[in-house]
């Protein structure tokens, strides 16, 4: 089993920044990608960013490119999501997830999930 715990969510004004953290523990062997997803009320869970655990290569959803940065600290088994220039439409519950397989942005194919952290951006 793999456990993920997100933190760092909160309320911020438009144009502001937040950094989310996701601490990973348990049987992490076989973790290939760490992803961030978000889900706004009444909407499907959407891909935000992913990072390959071994190489650090990253990819981003179109709506966050140039504003969000995903990174990792292998020594701390932690993944971060730096969110800058936040917009009201970024308001959502943000989840981190583990993918033990090939690259994908399909949330249904991620194996383990955190409990989520709320991000609210006021206008």
N, C-alpha and C. Protein backbone atom coordinates (compact mmCIF):
# COMPACT_ATOMS: atom_id res chain seq x y z
N UNK A 1 0.83 -1.20 0.00
CA UNK A 1 0.00 0.00 0.00
C UNK A 1 0.87 1.24 0.00
N UNK A 2 0.33 2.28 -0.59
CA UNK A 2 1.00 3.58 -0.63
C UNK A 2 0.06 4.60 -0.02
N UNK A 3 0.60 5.43 0.84
CA UNK A 3 -0.19 6.50 1.45
C UNK A 3 0.29 7.85 0.96
N UNK A 4 -0.65 8.72 0.69
CA UNK A 4 -0.34 10.08 0.24
C UNK A 4 -1.10 11.07 1.11
N UNK A 5 -0.41 12.10 1.54
CA UNK A 5 -1.04 13.14 2.36
C UNK A 5 -0.72 14.49 1.76
N UNK A 6 -1.76 15.19 1.32
CA UNK A 6 -1.60 16.53 0.75
C UNK A 6 -1.71 17.58 1.84
N UNK A 7 -1.07 18.70 1.60
CA UNK A 7 -1.20 19.85 2.49
C UNK A 7 -0.90 21.11 1.69
N UNK A 8 -1.25 22.26 2.27
CA UNK A 8 -0.89 23.53 1.66
C UNK A 8 -2.03 24.27 1.00
N UNK A 9 -3.21 23.67 0.98
CA UNK A 9 -4.34 24.37 0.39
C UNK A 9 -4.79 25.54 1.25
N UNK A 10 -5.71 26.33 0.70
CA UNK A 10 -6.22 27.46 1.45
C UNK A 10 -6.95 28.45 0.56
N UNK A 11 -7.16 29.63 1.12
CA UNK A 11 -7.85 30.70 0.42
C UNK A 11 -6.82 31.75 0.02
N UNK A 12 -6.88 32.16 -1.23
CA UNK A 12 -5.93 33.16 -1.74
C UNK A 12 -6.66 34.05 -2.74
N UNK A 13 -6.19 35.28 -2.86
CA UNK A 13 -6.78 36.19 -3.83
C UNK A 13 -6.24 35.91 -5.23
N UNK A 14 -7.02 36.28 -6.22
CA UNK A 14 -6.57 36.11 -7.60
C UNK A 14 -5.23 36.83 -7.80
N UNK A 15 -4.35 36.15 -8.53
CA UNK A 15 -3.00 36.68 -8.73
C UNK A 15 -2.00 36.21 -7.71
N UNK A 16 -2.48 35.59 -6.65
CA UNK A 16 -1.60 35.12 -5.59
C UNK A 16 -1.02 33.75 -5.88
N UNK A 17 -0.31 33.21 -4.88
CA UNK A 17 0.39 31.94 -5.02
C UNK A 17 0.10 31.02 -3.84
N UNK A 18 0.20 29.74 -4.09
CA UNK A 18 0.14 28.71 -3.06
C UNK A 18 1.09 27.60 -3.47
N UNK A 19 1.61 26.88 -2.47
CA UNK A 19 2.39 25.68 -2.76
C UNK A 19 1.76 24.50 -2.05
N UNK A 20 1.40 23.50 -2.83
CA UNK A 20 0.87 22.27 -2.27
C UNK A 20 1.99 21.25 -2.11
N UNK A 21 1.87 20.44 -1.08
CA UNK A 21 2.82 19.35 -0.85
C UNK A 21 2.07 18.04 -0.80
N UNK A 22 2.76 16.99 -1.20
CA UNK A 22 2.20 15.64 -1.14
C UNK A 22 3.29 14.71 -0.63
N UNK A 23 3.12 14.24 0.61
CA UNK A 23 4.08 13.32 1.21
C UNK A 23 3.66 11.89 0.91
N UNK A 24 4.60 11.11 0.41
CA UNK A 24 4.33 9.74 -0.01
C UNK A 24 5.02 8.78 0.95
N UNK A 25 4.31 7.74 1.39
CA UNK A 25 4.90 6.75 2.28
C UNK A 25 4.35 5.38 1.92
N UNK A 26 4.94 4.37 2.56
CA UNK A 26 4.50 3.01 2.31
C UNK A 26 5.34 2.34 1.26
N UNK A 27 4.74 1.41 0.54
CA UNK A 27 5.47 0.61 -0.45
C UNK A 27 5.54 1.38 -1.75
N UNK A 28 6.51 2.28 -1.81
CA UNK A 28 6.61 3.17 -2.96
C UNK A 28 7.37 2.56 -4.12
N UNK A 29 7.92 1.37 -3.94
CA UNK A 29 8.61 0.72 -5.04
C UNK A 29 7.64 0.52 -6.18
N UNK A 30 8.07 0.87 -7.37
CA UNK A 30 7.19 0.75 -8.51
C UNK A 30 6.46 2.03 -8.85
N UNK A 31 6.69 3.07 -8.06
CA UNK A 31 6.10 4.37 -8.38
C UNK A 31 6.83 4.97 -9.56
N UNK A 32 6.12 5.22 -10.63
CA UNK A 32 6.74 5.76 -11.82
C UNK A 32 6.42 7.24 -12.02
N UNK A 33 5.18 7.60 -11.76
CA UNK A 33 4.76 8.98 -11.94
C UNK A 33 3.96 9.44 -10.73
N UNK A 34 4.15 10.71 -10.40
CA UNK A 34 3.29 11.37 -9.43
C UNK A 34 2.50 12.43 -10.17
N UNK A 35 1.22 12.46 -9.89
CA UNK A 35 0.38 13.42 -10.59
C UNK A 35 -0.41 14.29 -9.63
N UNK A 36 -0.76 15.46 -10.12
CA UNK A 36 -1.72 16.33 -9.44
C UNK A 36 -2.95 16.45 -10.33
N UNK A 37 -4.11 16.31 -9.72
CA UNK A 37 -5.39 16.47 -10.39
C UNK A 37 -6.23 17.42 -9.57
N UNK A 38 -7.29 17.92 -10.16
CA UNK A 38 -8.19 18.79 -9.40
C UNK A 38 -9.62 18.53 -9.83
N UNK A 39 -10.51 18.80 -8.90
CA UNK A 39 -11.92 18.60 -9.17
C UNK A 39 -12.71 19.76 -8.58
N UNK A 40 -13.36 20.50 -9.47
CA UNK A 40 -14.22 21.60 -9.06
C UNK A 40 -15.64 21.07 -8.90
N UNK A 41 -16.47 21.76 -8.13
CA UNK A 41 -17.85 21.30 -7.92
C UNK A 41 -18.59 21.13 -9.24
N UNK A 42 -19.21 19.97 -9.40
CA UNK A 42 -19.99 19.70 -10.59
C UNK A 42 -19.19 19.36 -11.82
N UNK A 43 -17.86 19.24 -11.67
CA UNK A 43 -17.01 18.93 -12.82
C UNK A 43 -16.25 17.63 -12.59
N UNK A 44 -15.76 17.07 -13.68
CA UNK A 44 -14.96 15.85 -13.58
C UNK A 44 -13.55 16.20 -13.08
N UNK A 45 -12.90 15.18 -12.55
CA UNK A 45 -11.52 15.35 -12.11
C UNK A 45 -10.64 15.62 -13.34
N UNK A 46 -9.80 16.63 -13.22
CA UNK A 46 -9.01 17.08 -14.37
C UNK A 46 -7.52 16.98 -14.08
N UNK A 47 -6.76 16.67 -15.10
CA UNK A 47 -5.31 16.57 -15.00
C UNK A 47 -4.70 17.96 -14.83
N UNK A 48 -3.75 18.07 -13.90
CA UNK A 48 -3.04 19.32 -13.68
C UNK A 48 -1.57 19.19 -14.10
N UNK A 49 -0.87 18.21 -13.52
CA UNK A 49 0.56 18.06 -13.81
C UNK A 49 1.01 16.68 -13.38
N UNK A 50 2.11 16.25 -13.96
CA UNK A 50 2.70 15.00 -13.54
C UNK A 50 4.22 15.08 -13.63
N UNK A 51 4.89 14.28 -12.82
CA UNK A 51 6.34 14.25 -12.82
C UNK A 51 6.80 12.80 -12.74
N UNK A 52 7.79 12.48 -13.54
CA UNK A 52 8.33 11.12 -13.49
C UNK A 52 9.28 11.01 -12.31
N UNK A 53 9.08 9.99 -11.50
CA UNK A 53 9.80 9.89 -10.25
C UNK A 53 11.31 9.73 -10.48
N UNK A 54 11.70 8.98 -11.49
CA UNK A 54 13.12 8.70 -11.69
C UNK A 54 13.85 9.85 -12.35
N UNK A 55 13.26 10.43 -13.38
CA UNK A 55 13.99 11.42 -14.18
C UNK A 55 13.62 12.86 -13.87
N UNK A 56 12.44 13.06 -13.29
CA UNK A 56 11.98 14.41 -13.03
C UNK A 56 11.32 15.09 -14.21
N UNK A 57 11.13 14.38 -15.30
CA UNK A 57 10.47 14.99 -16.45
C UNK A 57 9.02 15.31 -16.10
N UNK A 58 8.53 16.41 -16.64
CA UNK A 58 7.22 16.92 -16.24
C UNK A 58 6.30 17.15 -17.43
N UNK A 59 5.02 17.19 -17.14
CA UNK A 59 4.03 17.60 -18.13
C UNK A 59 2.91 18.32 -17.41
N UNK A 60 2.19 19.19 -18.15
CA UNK A 60 1.18 20.04 -17.56
C UNK A 60 -0.08 20.08 -18.40
N UNK A 61 -1.20 20.30 -17.72
CA UNK A 61 -2.43 20.57 -18.43
C UNK A 61 -2.36 21.95 -19.07
N UNK A 62 -3.10 22.13 -20.15
CA UNK A 62 -3.03 23.39 -20.90
C UNK A 62 -3.43 24.59 -20.05
N UNK A 63 -4.38 24.40 -19.15
CA UNK A 63 -4.90 25.53 -18.39
C UNK A 63 -3.92 26.04 -17.33
N UNK A 64 -2.89 25.27 -17.02
CA UNK A 64 -1.96 25.68 -15.96
C UNK A 64 -0.54 25.90 -16.47
N UNK A 65 -0.29 25.61 -17.72
CA UNK A 65 1.06 25.78 -18.27
C UNK A 65 1.53 27.22 -18.09
N UNK A 66 2.77 27.35 -17.63
CA UNK A 66 3.34 28.67 -17.42
C UNK A 66 2.99 29.30 -16.09
N UNK A 67 2.06 28.70 -15.35
CA UNK A 67 1.67 29.25 -14.05
C UNK A 67 1.99 28.29 -12.90
N UNK A 68 1.88 27.00 -13.16
CA UNK A 68 2.11 25.98 -12.13
C UNK A 68 3.42 25.26 -12.42
N UNK A 69 4.07 24.82 -11.33
CA UNK A 69 5.30 24.05 -11.46
C UNK A 69 5.25 22.87 -10.52
N UNK A 70 5.46 21.68 -11.06
CA UNK A 70 5.53 20.48 -10.25
C UNK A 70 7.00 20.14 -10.03
N UNK A 71 7.32 19.71 -8.80
CA UNK A 71 8.70 19.33 -8.49
C UNK A 71 8.68 18.24 -7.43
N UNK A 72 9.84 17.69 -7.14
CA UNK A 72 9.89 16.62 -6.15
C UNK A 72 11.17 16.69 -5.36
N UNK A 73 11.11 16.09 -4.18
CA UNK A 73 12.27 15.94 -3.32
C UNK A 73 12.34 14.46 -2.98
N UNK A 74 13.24 13.75 -3.66
CA UNK A 74 13.30 12.29 -3.46
C UNK A 74 13.67 11.94 -2.02
N UNK A 75 14.54 12.73 -1.42
CA UNK A 75 14.98 12.42 -0.06
C UNK A 75 13.83 12.50 0.93
N UNK A 76 12.88 13.38 0.65
CA UNK A 76 11.73 13.54 1.54
C UNK A 76 10.51 12.80 1.03
N UNK A 77 10.63 12.12 -0.12
CA UNK A 77 9.47 11.44 -0.72
C UNK A 77 8.28 12.39 -0.81
N UNK A 78 8.55 13.57 -1.30
CA UNK A 78 7.51 14.59 -1.35
C UNK A 78 7.47 15.22 -2.74
N UNK A 79 6.26 15.48 -3.20
CA UNK A 79 6.04 16.16 -4.46
C UNK A 79 5.34 17.49 -4.16
N UNK A 80 5.71 18.51 -4.91
CA UNK A 80 5.17 19.84 -4.69
C UNK A 80 4.45 20.34 -5.94
N UNK A 81 3.50 21.23 -5.72
CA UNK A 81 2.87 21.94 -6.82
C UNK A 81 2.88 23.42 -6.47
N UNK A 82 3.76 24.16 -7.11
CA UNK A 82 3.82 25.60 -6.93
C UNK A 82 2.83 26.23 -7.89
N UNK A 83 1.89 26.98 -7.33
CA UNK A 83 0.83 27.58 -8.14
C UNK A 83 0.94 29.10 -8.05
N UNK A 84 1.24 29.70 -9.17
CA UNK A 84 1.38 31.16 -9.25
C UNK A 84 0.30 31.74 -10.17
N UNK A 85 0.11 33.04 -10.05
CA UNK A 85 -0.88 33.74 -10.88
C UNK A 85 -2.22 33.04 -10.85
N UNK A 86 -2.66 32.71 -9.65
CA UNK A 86 -3.89 31.95 -9.49
C UNK A 86 -5.10 32.74 -9.97
N UNK A 87 -6.06 31.99 -10.52
CA UNK A 87 -7.29 32.55 -11.04
C UNK A 87 -8.48 31.92 -10.31
N UNK A 88 -9.61 32.61 -10.28
CA UNK A 88 -10.80 32.00 -9.64
C UNK A 88 -11.15 30.64 -10.22
N UNK A 89 -10.90 30.43 -11.49
CA UNK A 89 -11.21 29.13 -12.10
C UNK A 89 -10.26 28.02 -11.66
N UNK A 90 -9.23 28.35 -10.89
CA UNK A 90 -8.37 27.32 -10.32
C UNK A 90 -8.96 26.74 -9.03
N UNK A 91 -10.05 27.32 -8.56
CA UNK A 91 -10.70 26.83 -7.35
C UNK A 91 -11.16 25.39 -7.53
N UNK A 92 -10.71 24.53 -6.62
CA UNK A 92 -11.02 23.10 -6.72
C UNK A 92 -10.41 22.38 -5.52
N UNK A 93 -10.77 21.12 -5.39
CA UNK A 93 -10.04 20.23 -4.49
C UNK A 93 -8.90 19.63 -5.31
N UNK A 94 -7.70 19.72 -4.78
CA UNK A 94 -6.52 19.22 -5.48
C UNK A 94 -6.08 17.90 -4.84
N UNK A 95 -5.82 16.92 -5.70
CA UNK A 95 -5.42 15.59 -5.26
C UNK A 95 -4.06 15.23 -5.85
N UNK A 96 -3.24 14.56 -5.07
CA UNK A 96 -2.06 13.94 -5.66
C UNK A 96 -2.30 12.45 -5.78
N UNK A 97 -1.59 11.84 -6.71
CA UNK A 97 -1.83 10.44 -7.02
C UNK A 97 -0.55 9.79 -7.53
N UNK A 98 -0.51 8.48 -7.38
CA UNK A 98 0.62 7.67 -7.83
C UNK A 98 0.19 6.81 -9.01
N UNK A 99 1.04 6.80 -10.01
CA UNK A 99 0.82 5.94 -11.17
C UNK A 99 1.96 4.92 -11.22
N UNK A 100 1.62 3.64 -11.13
CA UNK A 100 2.61 2.57 -11.21
C UNK A 100 2.50 1.92 -12.58
N UNK A 101 2.96 2.65 -13.57
CA UNK A 101 2.87 2.17 -14.94
C UNK A 101 3.34 3.24 -15.89
N UNK A 102 2.93 3.10 -17.15
CA UNK A 102 3.35 4.03 -18.18
C UNK A 102 2.68 5.38 -18.00
N UNK A 103 3.25 6.39 -18.67
CA UNK A 103 2.73 7.74 -18.57
C UNK A 103 1.28 7.81 -19.05
N UNK A 104 0.48 8.52 -18.31
CA UNK A 104 -0.89 8.80 -18.71
C UNK A 104 -1.40 10.00 -17.94
N UNK A 105 -2.38 10.70 -18.50
CA UNK A 105 -3.06 11.78 -17.78
C UNK A 105 -4.47 11.35 -17.41
N UNK A 106 -4.78 10.09 -17.63
CA UNK A 106 -6.09 9.55 -17.30
C UNK A 106 -6.13 9.23 -15.81
N UNK A 107 -6.92 9.96 -15.08
CA UNK A 107 -6.96 9.79 -13.63
C UNK A 107 -7.40 8.38 -13.23
N UNK A 108 -8.21 7.74 -14.06
CA UNK A 108 -8.72 6.41 -13.72
C UNK A 108 -7.60 5.37 -13.66
N UNK A 109 -6.46 5.69 -14.25
CA UNK A 109 -5.36 4.73 -14.30
C UNK A 109 -4.30 4.98 -13.22
N UNK A 110 -4.55 5.93 -12.35
CA UNK A 110 -3.65 6.15 -11.22
C UNK A 110 -4.05 5.22 -10.08
N UNK A 111 -3.03 4.72 -9.37
CA UNK A 111 -3.25 3.61 -8.46
C UNK A 111 -3.61 4.02 -7.02
N UNK A 112 -3.03 5.10 -6.56
CA UNK A 112 -3.26 5.54 -5.18
C UNK A 112 -3.52 7.04 -5.17
N UNK A 113 -4.35 7.46 -4.20
CA UNK A 113 -4.78 8.85 -4.12
C UNK A 113 -4.69 9.37 -2.70
N UNK A 114 -4.41 10.67 -2.60
CA UNK A 114 -4.51 11.33 -1.32
C UNK A 114 -5.95 11.75 -1.06
N UNK A 115 -6.16 12.38 0.09
CA UNK A 115 -7.51 12.76 0.50
C UNK A 115 -7.96 14.08 -0.11
N UNK A 116 -7.04 14.83 -0.68
CA UNK A 116 -7.37 16.09 -1.31
C UNK A 116 -7.19 17.28 -0.38
N UNK A 117 -6.92 18.42 -0.99
CA UNK A 117 -6.80 19.67 -0.25
C UNK A 117 -7.51 20.77 -1.04
N UNK A 118 -8.28 21.58 -0.32
CA UNK A 118 -9.11 22.60 -0.97
C UNK A 118 -8.28 23.84 -1.28
N UNK A 119 -8.41 24.30 -2.52
CA UNK A 119 -7.82 25.57 -2.95
C UNK A 119 -8.96 26.47 -3.40
N UNK A 120 -9.05 27.64 -2.80
CA UNK A 120 -10.09 28.60 -3.17
C UNK A 120 -9.44 29.91 -3.56
N UNK A 121 -9.75 30.38 -4.76
CA UNK A 121 -9.18 31.63 -5.26
C UNK A 121 -10.31 32.64 -5.39
N UNK A 122 -10.20 33.72 -4.65
CA UNK A 122 -11.25 34.75 -4.68
C UNK A 122 -10.89 35.82 -5.71
N UNK A 123 -11.94 36.39 -6.28
CA UNK A 123 -11.74 37.41 -7.33
C UNK A 123 -11.67 38.81 -6.73
